[in-house]
Amino acid sequence: FDIEKIKSLKLSAVFISHYHDDHCSMESLNLLDRATPIYIYCLFDEMI
C-alpha cells in the first residue's frame, strides 16, 4: 500500500460490518482523515 496516498483519501464515510480484527483495524483507520464519518455494526458501545 502507498500509505501517503491513503492518507490523502477523501472518503464520504467508512462502513464496518463487524468488530473482528480482519474488518475493524485501528492501524488502518489511523491513516484516515479524522473528519471521516465511521459507521460500525457492533452491539458493544466500547468499540465506539
All heavy atoms as atom14 arrays in JSON, in Angstrom:
{
  "sequence": "FDIEKIKSLKLSAVFISHYHDDHCSMESLNLLDRATPIYIYCLFDEMI",
  "atom14_mask": [
    [1, 1, 1, 1, 1, 1, 1, 1, 1, 1, 1, 0, 0, 0],
    [1, 1, 1, 1, 1, 1, 1, 1, 0, 0, 0, 0, 0, 0],
    [1, 1, 1, 1, 1, 1, 1, 1, 0, 0, 0, 0, 0, 0],
    [1, 1, 1, 1, 1, 1, 1, 1, 1, 0, 0, 0, 0, 0],
    [1, 1, 1, 1, 1, 1, 1, 1, 1, 0, 0, 0, 0, 0],
    [1, 1, 1, 1, 1, 1, 1, 1, 0, 0, 0, 0, 0, 0],
    [1, 1, 1, 1, 1, 1, 1, 1, 1, 0, 0, 0, 0, 0],
    [1, 1, 1, 1, 1, 1, 0, 0, 0, 0, 0, 0, 0, 0],
    [1, 1, 1, 1, 1, 1, 1, 1, 0, 0, 0, 0, 0, 0],
    [1, 1, 1, 1, 1, 1, 1, 1, 1, 0, 0, 0, 0, 0],
    [1, 1, 1, 1, 1, 1, 1, 1, 0, 0, 0, 0, 0, 0],
    [1, 1, 1, 1, 1, 1, 0, 0, 0, 0, 0, 0, 0, 0],
    [1, 1, 1, 1, 1, 0, 0, 0, 0, 0, 0, 0, 0, 0],
    [1, 1, 1, 1, 1, 1, 1, 0, 0, 0, 0, 0, 0, 0],
    [1, 1, 1, 1, 1, 1, 1, 1, 1, 1, 1, 0, 0, 0],
    [1, 1, 1, 1, 1, 1, 1, 1, 0, 0, 0, 0, 0, 0],
    [1, 1, 1, 1, 1, 1, 0, 0, 0, 0, 0, 0, 0, 0],
    [1, 1, 1, 1, 1, 1, 1, 1, 1, 1, 0, 0, 0, 0],
    [1, 1, 1, 1, 1, 1, 1, 1, 1, 1, 1, 1, 0, 0],
    [1, 1, 1, 1, 1, 1, 1, 1, 1, 1, 0, 0, 0, 0],
    [1, 1, 1, 1, 1, 1, 1, 1, 0, 0, 0, 0, 0, 0],
    [1, 1, 1, 1, 1, 1, 1, 1, 0, 0, 0, 0, 0, 0],
    [1, 1, 1, 1, 1, 1, 1, 1, 1, 1, 0, 0, 0, 0],
    [1, 1, 1, 1, 1, 1, 0, 0, 0, 0, 0, 0, 0, 0],
    [1, 1, 1, 1, 1, 1, 0, 0, 0, 0, 0, 0, 0, 0],
    [1, 1, 1, 1, 1, 1, 1, 1, 0, 0, 0, 0, 0, 0],
    [1, 1, 1, 1, 1, 1, 1, 1, 1, 0, 0, 0, 0, 0],
    [1, 1, 1, 1, 1, 1, 0, 0, 0, 0, 0, 0, 0, 0],
    [1, 1, 1, 1, 1, 1, 1, 1, 0, 0, 0, 0, 0, 0],
    [1, 1, 1, 1, 1, 1, 1, 1, 0, 0, 0, 0, 0, 0],
    [1, 1, 1, 1, 1, 1, 1, 1, 0, 0, 0, 0, 0, 0],
    [1, 1, 1, 1, 1, 1, 1, 1, 0, 0, 0, 0, 0, 0],
    [1, 1, 1, 1, 1, 1, 1, 1, 0, 0, 0, 0, 0, 0],
    [1, 1, 1, 1, 1, 1, 1, 1, 1, 1, 1, 0, 0, 0],
    [1, 1, 1, 1, 1, 0, 0, 0, 0, 0, 0, 0, 0, 0],
    [1, 1, 1, 1, 1, 1, 1, 0, 0, 0, 0, 0, 0, 0],
    [1, 1, 1, 1, 1, 1, 1, 0, 0, 0, 0, 0, 0, 0],
    [1, 1, 1, 1, 1, 1, 1, 1, 0, 0, 0, 0, 0, 0],
    [1, 1, 1, 1, 1, 1, 1, 1, 1, 1, 1, 1, 0, 0],
    [1, 1, 1, 1, 1, 1, 1, 1, 0, 0, 0, 0, 0, 0],
    [1, 1, 1, 1, 1, 1, 1, 1, 1, 1, 1, 1, 0, 0],
    [1, 1, 1, 1, 1, 1, 0, 0, 0, 0, 0, 0, 0, 0],
    [1, 1, 1, 1, 1, 1, 1, 1, 0, 0, 0, 0, 0, 0],
    [1, 1, 1, 1, 1, 1, 1, 1, 1, 1, 1, 0, 0, 0],
    [1, 1, 1, 1, 1, 1, 1, 1, 0, 0, 0, 0, 0, 0],
    [1, 1, 1, 1, 1, 1, 1, 1, 1, 0, 0, 0, 0, 0],
    [1, 1, 1, 1, 1, 1, 1, 1, 0, 0, 0, 0, 0, 0],
    [1, 1, 1, 1, 1, 1, 1, 1, 0, 0, 0, 0, 0, 0]
  ],
  "atom14_positions": [
    [[0.83, -1.19, 0.0], [0.0, 0.0, 0.0], [0.87, 1.25, 0.0], [1.91, 1.31, 0.67], [-0.91, 0.01, 1.24], [-1.92, -1.09, 1.25], [-1.65, -2.29, 1.89], [-3.14, -0.94, 0.62], [-2.59, -3.32, 1.89], [-4.08, -1.95, 0.62], [-3.8, -3.15, 1.26], [0.0, 0.0, 0.0], [0.0, 0.0, 0.0], [0.0, 0.0, 0.0]],
    [[0.43, 2.25, -0.76], [1.06, 3.56, -0.74], [0.42, 4.36, 0.39], [-0.67, 4.94, 0.23], [0.87, 4.27, -2.09], [1.68, 5.56, -2.2], [1.79, 6.27, -1.18], [2.18, 5.85, -3.3], [0.0, 0.0, 0.0], [0.0, 0.0, 0.0], [0.0, 0.0, 0.0], [0.0, 0.0, 0.0], [0.0, 0.0, 0.0], [0.0, 0.0, 0.0]],
    [[1.05, 4.37, 1.53], [0.47, 4.94, 2.74], [0.18, 6.43, 2.59], [-0.86, 6.92, 3.05], [1.39, 4.69, 3.95], [1.58, 3.18, 4.17], [0.82, 5.35, 5.21], [0.3, 2.41, 4.39], [0.0, 0.0, 0.0], [0.0, 0.0, 0.0], [0.0, 0.0, 0.0], [0.0, 0.0, 0.0], [0.0, 0.0, 0.0], [0.0, 0.0, 0.0]],
    [[1.08, 7.17, 1.95], [0.87, 8.61, 1.81], [-0.35, 8.92, 0.95], [-1.11, 9.85, 1.25], [2.11, 9.27, 1.22], [3.33, 9.22, 2.15], [3.02, 9.78, 3.54], [2.42, 10.88, 3.62], [3.37, 9.1, 4.53], [0.0, 0.0, 0.0], [0.0, 0.0, 0.0], [0.0, 0.0, 0.0], [0.0, 0.0, 0.0], [0.0, 0.0, 0.0]],
    [[-0.59, 8.14, -0.07], [-1.78, 8.35, -0.91], [-3.04, 7.99, -0.13], [-4.09, 8.63, -0.3], [-1.68, 7.54, -2.2], [-0.68, 8.11, -3.2], [-0.68, 7.32, -4.5], [0.3, 7.95, -5.5], [0.34, 7.19, -6.79], [0.0, 0.0, 0.0], [0.0, 0.0, 0.0], [0.0, 0.0, 0.0], [0.0, 0.0, 0.0], [0.0, 0.0, 0.0]],
    [[-2.97, 6.95, 0.7], [-4.13, 6.56, 1.5], [-4.46, 7.69, 2.49], [-5.63, 8.01, 2.7], [-3.85, 5.24, 2.25], [-3.79, 4.09, 1.23], [-4.94, 4.96, 3.29], [-3.32, 2.78, 1.82], [0.0, 0.0, 0.0], [0.0, 0.0, 0.0], [0.0, 0.0, 0.0], [0.0, 0.0, 0.0], [0.0, 0.0, 0.0], [0.0, 0.0, 0.0]],
    [[-3.45, 8.31, 3.05], [-3.68, 9.4, 3.99], [-4.37, 10.59, 3.34], [-5.06, 11.37, 4.02], [-2.35, 9.85, 4.6], [-1.74, 8.87, 5.59], [-0.42, 9.4, 6.13], [0.18, 8.44, 7.15], [1.5, 8.94, 7.66], [0.0, 0.0, 0.0], [0.0, 0.0, 0.0], [0.0, 0.0, 0.0], [0.0, 0.0, 0.0], [0.0, 0.0, 0.0]],
    [[-4.22, 10.72, 2.03], [-4.83, 11.85, 1.32], [-6.23, 11.53, 0.77], [-6.85, 12.39, 0.14], [-3.92, 12.3, 0.18], [-3.84, 11.31, -0.84], [0.0, 0.0, 0.0], [0.0, 0.0, 0.0], [0.0, 0.0, 0.0], [0.0, 0.0, 0.0], [0.0, 0.0, 0.0], [0.0, 0.0, 0.0], [0.0, 0.0, 0.0], [0.0, 0.0, 0.0]],
    [[-6.72, 10.3, 1.01], [-8.05, 9.94, 0.51], [-9.12, 10.82, 1.14], [-9.08, 11.12, 2.33], [-8.35, 8.47, 0.83], [-7.57, 7.4, 0.07], [-7.95, 6.01, 0.6], [-7.83, 7.48, -1.42], [0.0, 0.0, 0.0], [0.0, 0.0, 0.0], [0.0, 0.0, 0.0], [0.0, 0.0, 0.0], [0.0, 0.0, 0.0], [0.0, 0.0, 0.0]],
    [[-10.09, 11.22, 0.34], [-11.23, 11.97, 0.82], [-12.47, 11.07, 0.74], [-13.08, 10.94, -0.31], [-11.43, 13.25, 0.0], [-10.24, 14.2, 0.06], [-9.96, 14.67, 1.49], [-8.77, 15.63, 1.54], [-8.43, 16.01, 2.94], [0.0, 0.0, 0.0], [0.0, 0.0, 0.0], [0.0, 0.0, 0.0], [0.0, 0.0, 0.0], [0.0, 0.0, 0.0]],
    [[-12.77, 10.42, 1.84], [-13.89, 9.48, 1.88], [-15.12, 10.15, 2.46], [-15.03, 10.9, 3.44], [-13.53, 8.26, 2.72], [-12.31, 7.43, 2.27], [-12.03, 6.32, 3.27], [-12.53, 6.87, 0.88], [0.0, 0.0, 0.0], [0.0, 0.0, 0.0], [0.0, 0.0, 0.0], [0.0, 0.0, 0.0], [0.0, 0.0, 0.0], [0.0, 0.0, 0.0]],
    [[-16.27, 9.84, 1.87], [-17.53, 10.36, 2.41], [-17.87, 9.66, 3.72], [-18.52, 10.26, 4.59], [-18.66, 10.16, 1.4], [-18.33, 10.76, 0.15], [0.0, 0.0, 0.0], [0.0, 0.0, 0.0], [0.0, 0.0, 0.0], [0.0, 0.0, 0.0], [0.0, 0.0, 0.0], [0.0, 0.0, 0.0], [0.0, 0.0, 0.0], [0.0, 0.0, 0.0]],
    [[-17.44, 8.41, 3.86], [-17.69, 7.64, 5.08], [-16.99, 6.3, 4.99], [-16.58, 5.85, 3.9], [-19.18, 7.43, 5.31], [0.0, 0.0, 0.0], [0.0, 0.0, 0.0], [0.0, 0.0, 0.0], [0.0, 0.0, 0.0], [0.0, 0.0, 0.0], [0.0, 0.0, 0.0], [0.0, 0.0, 0.0], [0.0, 0.0, 0.0], [0.0, 0.0, 0.0]],
    [[-16.86, 5.66, 6.15], [-16.38, 4.28, 6.24], [-17.46, 3.47, 6.94], [-18.02, 3.89, 7.96], [-15.07, 4.19, 7.05], [-14.75, 2.75, 7.42], [-13.92, 4.8, 6.26], [0.0, 0.0, 0.0], [0.0, 0.0, 0.0], [0.0, 0.0, 0.0], [0.0, 0.0, 0.0], [0.0, 0.0, 0.0], [0.0, 0.0, 0.0], [0.0, 0.0, 0.0]],
    [[-17.79, 2.29, 6.36], [-18.76, 1.37, 6.97], [-18.03, 0.09, 7.35], [-17.3, -0.49, 6.54], [-19.9, 1.06, 6.0], [-20.95, 2.12, 5.94], [-20.7, 3.34, 5.32], [-22.2, 1.93, 6.51], [-21.66, 4.34, 5.26], [-23.18, 2.91, 6.46], [-22.9, 4.12, 5.84], [0.0, 0.0, 0.0], [0.0, 0.0, 0.0], [0.0, 0.0, 0.0]],
    [[-18.23, -0.34, 8.59], [-17.59, -1.55, 9.1], [-18.68, -2.54, 9.51], [-19.54, -2.22, 10.32], [-16.67, -1.22, 10.29], [-15.6, -0.22, 9.86], [-16.02, -2.49, 10.84], [-14.74, 0.31, 10.99], [0.0, 0.0, 0.0], [0.0, 0.0, 0.0], [0.0, 0.0, 0.0], [0.0, 0.0, 0.0], [0.0, 0.0, 0.0], [0.0, 0.0, 0.0]],
    [[-18.62, -3.73, 8.94], [-19.7, -4.71, 9.11], [-19.73, -5.33, 10.5], [-20.79, -5.7, 11.0], [-19.56, -5.83, 8.07], [-18.32, -6.51, 8.23], [0.0, 0.0, 0.0], [0.0, 0.0, 0.0], [0.0, 0.0, 0.0], [0.0, 0.0, 0.0], [0.0, 0.0, 0.0], [0.0, 0.0, 0.0], [0.0, 0.0, 0.0], [0.0, 0.0, 0.0]],
    [[-18.55, -5.47, 11.13], [-18.47, -6.03, 12.48], [-17.08, -5.79, 13.05], [-16.19, -5.31, 12.34], [-18.86, -7.52, 12.52], [-18.0, -8.42, 11.68], [-17.96, -8.37, 10.31], [-17.16, -9.42, 12.03], [-17.13, -9.3, 9.84], [-16.63, -9.94, 10.88], [0.0, 0.0, 0.0], [0.0, 0.0, 0.0], [0.0, 0.0, 0.0], [0.0, 0.0, 0.0]],
    [[-16.9, -6.14, 14.32], [-15.7, -5.72, 15.04], [-14.51, -6.67, 14.93], [-13.45, -6.39, 15.51], [-16.03, -5.5, 16.52], [-16.51, -6.75, 17.25], [-15.6, -7.68, 17.75], [-17.86, -7.0, 17.44], [-16.03, -8.82, 18.41], [-18.3, -8.13, 18.1], [-17.38, -9.03, 18.58], [-17.82, -10.17, 19.24], [0.0, 0.0, 0.0], [0.0, 0.0, 0.0]],
    [[-14.61, -7.77, 14.21], [-13.48, -8.69, 14.12], [-12.26, -7.98, 13.53], [-12.4, -7.07, 12.7], [-13.85, -9.91, 13.28], [-14.77, -10.85, 13.99], [-15.42, -11.89, 13.35], [-15.18, -10.91, 15.29], [-16.16, -12.54, 14.23], [-16.03, -11.97, 15.41], [0.0, 0.0, 0.0], [0.0, 0.0, 0.0], [0.0, 0.0, 0.0], [0.0, 0.0, 0.0]],
    [[-11.07, -8.43, 13.93], [-9.87, -7.67, 13.6], [-9.5, -7.65, 12.12], [-8.7, -6.82, 11.71], [-8.68, -8.16, 14.43], [-8.48, -9.66, 14.37], [-8.18, -10.16, 13.29], [-8.62, -10.31, 15.41], [0.0, 0.0, 0.0], [0.0, 0.0, 0.0], [0.0, 0.0, 0.0], [0.0, 0.0, 0.0], [0.0, 0.0, 0.0], [0.0, 0.0, 0.0]],
    [[-10.06, -8.56, 11.31], [-9.8, -8.5, 9.87], [-10.81, -7.62, 9.14], [-10.81, -7.56, 7.91], [-9.77, -9.91, 9.26], [-11.03, -10.71, 9.55], [-11.75, -10.38, 10.5], [-11.28, -11.69, 8.81], [0.0, 0.0, 0.0], [0.0, 0.0, 0.0], [0.0, 0.0, 0.0], [0.0, 0.0, 0.0], [0.0, 0.0, 0.0], [0.0, 0.0, 0.0]],
    [[-11.64, -6.92, 9.91], [-12.61, -5.97, 9.35], [-12.51, -4.61, 10.01], [-12.8, -3.59, 9.38], [-14.04, -6.51, 9.51], [-14.25, -7.8, 8.8], [-14.83, -7.89, 7.55], [-13.94, -9.08, 9.15], [-14.87, -9.16, 7.17], [-14.32, -9.9, 8.12], [0.0, 0.0, 0.0], [0.0, 0.0, 0.0], [0.0, 0.0, 0.0], [0.0, 0.0, 0.0]],
    [[-12.13, -4.59, 11.27], [-12.02, -3.35, 12.03], [-10.61, -3.26, 12.6], [-10.32, -3.86, 13.64], [-13.07, -3.32, 13.14], [-12.99, -1.85, 14.19], [0.0, 0.0, 0.0], [0.0, 0.0, 0.0], [0.0, 0.0, 0.0], [0.0, 0.0, 0.0], [0.0, 0.0, 0.0], [0.0, 0.0, 0.0], [0.0, 0.0, 0.0], [0.0, 0.0, 0.0]],
    [[-9.74, -2.54, 11.91], [-8.35, -2.41, 12.33], [-8.04, -0.96, 12.66], [-8.2, -0.07, 11.82], [-7.41, -2.9, 11.22], [-6.07, -2.56, 11.52], [0.0, 0.0, 0.0], [0.0, 0.0, 0.0], [0.0, 0.0, 0.0], [0.0, 0.0, 0.0], [0.0, 0.0, 0.0], [0.0, 0.0, 0.0], [0.0, 0.0, 0.0], [0.0, 0.0, 0.0]],
    [[-7.56, -0.72, 13.86], [-7.2, 0.63, 14.28], [-6.02, 1.16, 13.48], [-5.94, 2.36, 13.19], [-6.89, 0.66, 15.77], [-8.05, 0.26, 16.65], [-9.44, 1.4, 16.47], [-10.68, 0.59, 17.48], [0.0, 0.0, 0.0], [0.0, 0.0, 0.0], [0.0, 0.0, 0.0], [0.0, 0.0, 0.0], [0.0, 0.0, 0.0], [0.0, 0.0, 0.0]],
    [[-5.09, 0.29, 13.11], [-3.93, 0.74, 12.34], [-4.35, 1.23, 10.96], [-3.76, 2.19, 10.43], [-2.9, -0.38, 12.24], [-2.21, -0.69, 13.57], [-1.09, -1.68, 13.44], [-0.49, -1.78, 12.35], [-0.79, -2.37, 14.42], [0.0, 0.0, 0.0], [0.0, 0.0, 0.0], [0.0, 0.0, 0.0], [0.0, 0.0, 0.0], [0.0, 0.0, 0.0]],
    [[-5.35, 0.6, 10.37], [-5.85, 1.06, 9.07], [-6.66, 2.34, 9.22], [-6.47, 3.31, 8.47], [-6.71, -0.04, 8.41], [-5.91, -1.12, 7.99], [0.0, 0.0, 0.0], [0.0, 0.0, 0.0], [0.0, 0.0, 0.0], [0.0, 0.0, 0.0], [0.0, 0.0, 0.0], [0.0, 0.0, 0.0], [0.0, 0.0, 0.0], [0.0, 0.0, 0.0]],
    [[-7.56, 2.38, 10.2], [-8.36, 3.59, 10.42], [-7.48, 4.77, 10.76], [-7.8, 5.92, 10.41], [-9.38, 3.34, 11.54], [-10.51, 2.36, 11.25], [-11.39, 2.17, 12.48], [-11.36, 2.82, 10.07], [0.0, 0.0, 0.0], [0.0, 0.0, 0.0], [0.0, 0.0, 0.0], [0.0, 0.0, 0.0], [0.0, 0.0, 0.0], [0.0, 0.0, 0.0]],
    [[-6.36, 4.51, 11.41], [-5.47, 5.58, 11.83], [-4.91, 6.38, 10.66], [-4.44, 7.51, 10.84], [-4.32, 4.99, 12.65], [-3.45, 6.03, 13.31], [-3.95, 6.92, 13.99], [-2.14, 5.94, 13.11], [0.0, 0.0, 0.0], [0.0, 0.0, 0.0], [0.0, 0.0, 0.0], [0.0, 0.0, 0.0], [0.0, 0.0, 0.0], [0.0, 0.0, 0.0]],
    [[-4.96, 5.83, 9.45], [-4.44, 6.52, 8.28], [-5.41, 7.54, 7.71], [-5.03, 8.36, 6.87], [-4.09, 5.49, 7.18], [-3.07, 4.42, 7.54], [-2.9, 3.44, 6.39], [-1.73, 5.04, 7.92], [0.0, 0.0, 0.0], [0.0, 0.0, 0.0], [0.0, 0.0, 0.0], [0.0, 0.0, 0.0], [0.0, 0.0, 0.0], [0.0, 0.0, 0.0]],
    [[-6.66, 7.51, 8.15], [-7.71, 8.32, 7.53], [-7.91, 9.66, 8.22], [-7.62, 9.82, 9.41], [-9.03, 7.53, 7.54], [-9.0, 6.18, 6.81], [-10.35, 5.49, 6.94], [-8.62, 6.36, 5.34], [0.0, 0.0, 0.0], [0.0, 0.0, 0.0], [0.0, 0.0, 0.0], [0.0, 0.0, 0.0], [0.0, 0.0, 0.0], [0.0, 0.0, 0.0]],
    [[-8.43, 10.6, 7.45], [-8.8, 11.92, 7.97], [-9.8, 11.74, 9.11], [-10.78, 11.0, 8.98], [-9.43, 12.73, 6.83], [-9.64, 14.19, 7.2], [-10.13, 14.46, 8.32], [-9.37, 15.05, 6.35], [0.0, 0.0, 0.0], [0.0, 0.0, 0.0], [0.0, 0.0, 0.0], [0.0, 0.0, 0.0], [0.0, 0.0, 0.0], [0.0, 0.0, 0.0]],
    [[-9.56, 12.43, 10.23], [-10.41, 12.26, 11.4], [-11.8, 12.85, 11.22], [-12.69, 12.6, 12.04], [-9.74, 12.88, 12.64], [-8.42, 12.2, 13.04], [-8.58, 10.68, 13.16], [-7.45, 10.04, 13.78], [-6.43, 9.47, 13.14], [-6.44, 9.45, 11.82], [-5.45, 8.9, 13.79], [0.0, 0.0, 0.0], [0.0, 0.0, 0.0], [0.0, 0.0, 0.0]],
    [[-12.0, 13.61, 10.15], [-13.35, 14.13, 9.86], [-14.2, 13.1, 9.13], [-15.4, 13.32, 8.93], [-13.26, 15.42, 9.04], [0.0, 0.0, 0.0], [0.0, 0.0, 0.0], [0.0, 0.0, 0.0], [0.0, 0.0, 0.0], [0.0, 0.0, 0.0], [0.0, 0.0, 0.0], [0.0, 0.0, 0.0], [0.0, 0.0, 0.0], [0.0, 0.0, 0.0]],
    [[-13.62, 11.97, 8.75], [-14.36, 10.92, 8.04], [-15.36, 10.27, 8.98], [-14.97, 9.74, 10.02], [-13.4, 9.84, 7.51], [-12.37, 10.44, 6.73], [-14.16, 8.82, 6.67], [0.0, 0.0, 0.0], [0.0, 0.0, 0.0], [0.0, 0.0, 0.0], [0.0, 0.0, 0.0], [0.0, 0.0, 0.0], [0.0, 0.0, 0.0], [0.0, 0.0, 0.0]],
    [[-16.65, 10.28, 8.64], [-17.63, 9.59, 9.5], [-17.41, 8.08, 9.46], [-17.18, 7.5, 8.39], [-18.98, 9.96, 8.86], [-18.71, 11.16, 8.02], [-17.3, 11.01, 7.53], [0.0, 0.0, 0.0], [0.0, 0.0, 0.0], [0.0, 0.0, 0.0], [0.0, 0.0, 0.0], [0.0, 0.0, 0.0], [0.0, 0.0, 0.0], [0.0, 0.0, 0.0]],
    [[-17.45, 7.45, 10.62], [-17.29, 6.0, 10.74], [-18.62, 5.41, 11.2], [-19.18, 5.84, 12.22], [-16.19, 5.63, 11.76], [-14.89, 6.39, 11.46], [-15.96, 4.12, 11.78], [-14.21, 6.02, 10.17], [0.0, 0.0, 0.0], [0.0, 0.0, 0.0], [0.0, 0.0, 0.0], [0.0, 0.0, 0.0], [0.0, 0.0, 0.0], [0.0, 0.0, 0.0]],
    [[-19.11, 4.41, 10.46], [-20.33, 3.7, 10.83], [-19.96, 2.24, 11.06], [-19.39, 1.59, 10.18], [-21.38, 3.79, 9.72], [-21.9, 5.18, 9.44], [-21.21, 6.05, 8.59], [-23.09, 5.63, 10.02], [-21.68, 7.33, 8.33], [-23.58, 6.91, 9.76], [-22.87, 7.75, 8.92], [-23.35, 9.01, 8.66], [0.0, 0.0, 0.0], [0.0, 0.0, 0.0]],
    [[-20.29, 1.71, 12.23], [-19.94, 0.32, 12.54], [-21.14, -0.4, 13.14], [-21.89, 0.18, 13.95], [-18.73, 0.24, 13.48], [-18.35, -1.22, 13.77], [-18.96, 1.02, 14.77], [-17.03, -1.38, 14.5], [0.0, 0.0, 0.0], [0.0, 0.0, 0.0], [0.0, 0.0, 0.0], [0.0, 0.0, 0.0], [0.0, 0.0, 0.0], [0.0, 0.0, 0.0]],
    [[-21.31, -1.66, 12.74], [-22.32, -2.51, 13.38], [-21.64, -3.24, 14.51], [-20.76, -4.08, 14.3], [-22.93, -3.51, 12.4], [-23.95, -4.4, 13.07], [-25.22, -3.93, 13.37], [-23.63, -5.71, 13.42], [-26.15, -4.73, 14.0], [-24.56, -6.52, 14.06], [-25.82, -6.03, 14.34], [-26.74, -6.82, 14.97], [0.0, 0.0, 0.0], [0.0, 0.0, 0.0]],
    [[-22.03, -2.9, 15.73], [-21.45, -3.54, 16.91], [-22.39, -3.3, 18.09], [-22.81, -2.16, 18.32], [-20.07, -2.97, 17.21], [-19.23, -3.79, 18.6], [0.0, 0.0, 0.0], [0.0, 0.0, 0.0], [0.0, 0.0, 0.0], [0.0, 0.0, 0.0], [0.0, 0.0, 0.0], [0.0, 0.0, 0.0], [0.0, 0.0, 0.0], [0.0, 0.0, 0.0]],
    [[-22.71, -4.35, 18.8], [-23.62, -4.23, 19.93], [-22.93, -3.71, 21.18], [-23.59, -3.46, 22.19], [-24.27, -5.59, 20.22], [-25.06, -6.23, 19.06], [-25.74, -7.5, 19.55], [-26.08, -5.26, 18.48], [0.0, 0.0, 0.0], [0.0, 0.0, 0.0], [0.0, 0.0, 0.0], [0.0, 0.0, 0.0], [0.0, 0.0, 0.0], [0.0, 0.0, 0.0]],
    [[-21.61, -3.53, 21.1], [-20.85, -3.08, 22.27], [-20.43, -1.63, 22.08], [-19.66, -1.31, 21.17], [-19.61, -3.96, 22.47], [-19.93, -5.42, 22.61], [-19.88, -6.27, 21.52], [-20.27, -5.95, 23.85], [-20.18, -7.62, 21.64], [-20.56, -7.3, 23.98], [-20.53, -8.14, 22.88], [0.0, 0.0, 0.0], [0.0, 0.0, 0.0], [0.0, 0.0, 0.0]],
    [[-20.9, -0.76, 22.96], [-20.55, 0.65, 22.88], [-19.05, 0.87, 23.08], [-18.5, 1.89, 22.64], [-21.32, 1.45, 23.93], [-22.8, 1.53, 23.63], [-23.16, 1.36, 22.45], [-23.6, 1.76, 24.56], [0.0, 0.0, 0.0], [0.0, 0.0, 0.0], [0.0, 0.0, 0.0], [0.0, 0.0, 0.0], [0.0, 0.0, 0.0], [0.0, 0.0, 0.0]],
    [[-18.4, -0.08, 23.71], [-16.96, 0.05, 23.96], [-16.18, 0.21, 22.67], [-15.19, 0.95, 22.62], [-16.45, -1.16, 24.75], [-15.0, -1.04, 25.16], [-14.51, -2.24, 25.96], [-15.3, -3.19, 26.15], [-13.34, -2.22, 26.39], [0.0, 0.0, 0.0], [0.0, 0.0, 0.0], [0.0, 0.0, 0.0], [0.0, 0.0, 0.0], [0.0, 0.0, 0.0]],
    [[-16.61, -0.47, 21.59], [-15.9, -0.35, 20.32], [-16.06, 1.05, 19.74], [-15.12, 1.6, 19.13], [-16.4, -1.4, 19.32], [-15.63, -1.41, 18.0], [-13.84, -1.65, 18.2], [-13.79, -3.36, 18.75], [0.0, 0.0, 0.0], [0.0, 0.0, 0.0], [0.0, 0.0, 0.0], [0.0, 0.0, 0.0], [0.0, 0.0, 0.0], [0.0, 0.0, 0.0]],
    [[-17.23, 1.66, 19.93], [-17.43, 3.04, 19.5], [-16.42, 3.94, 20.2], [-15.78, 4.8, 19.59], [-18.87, 3.51, 19.83], [-19.91, 2.59, 19.17], [-19.07, 4.96, 19.41], [-19.96, 2.65, 17.68], [0.0, 0.0, 0.0], [0.0, 0.0, 0.0], [0.0, 0.0, 0.0], [0.0, 0.0, 0.0], [0.0, 0.0, 0.0], [0.0, 0.0, 0.0]]
  ]
}
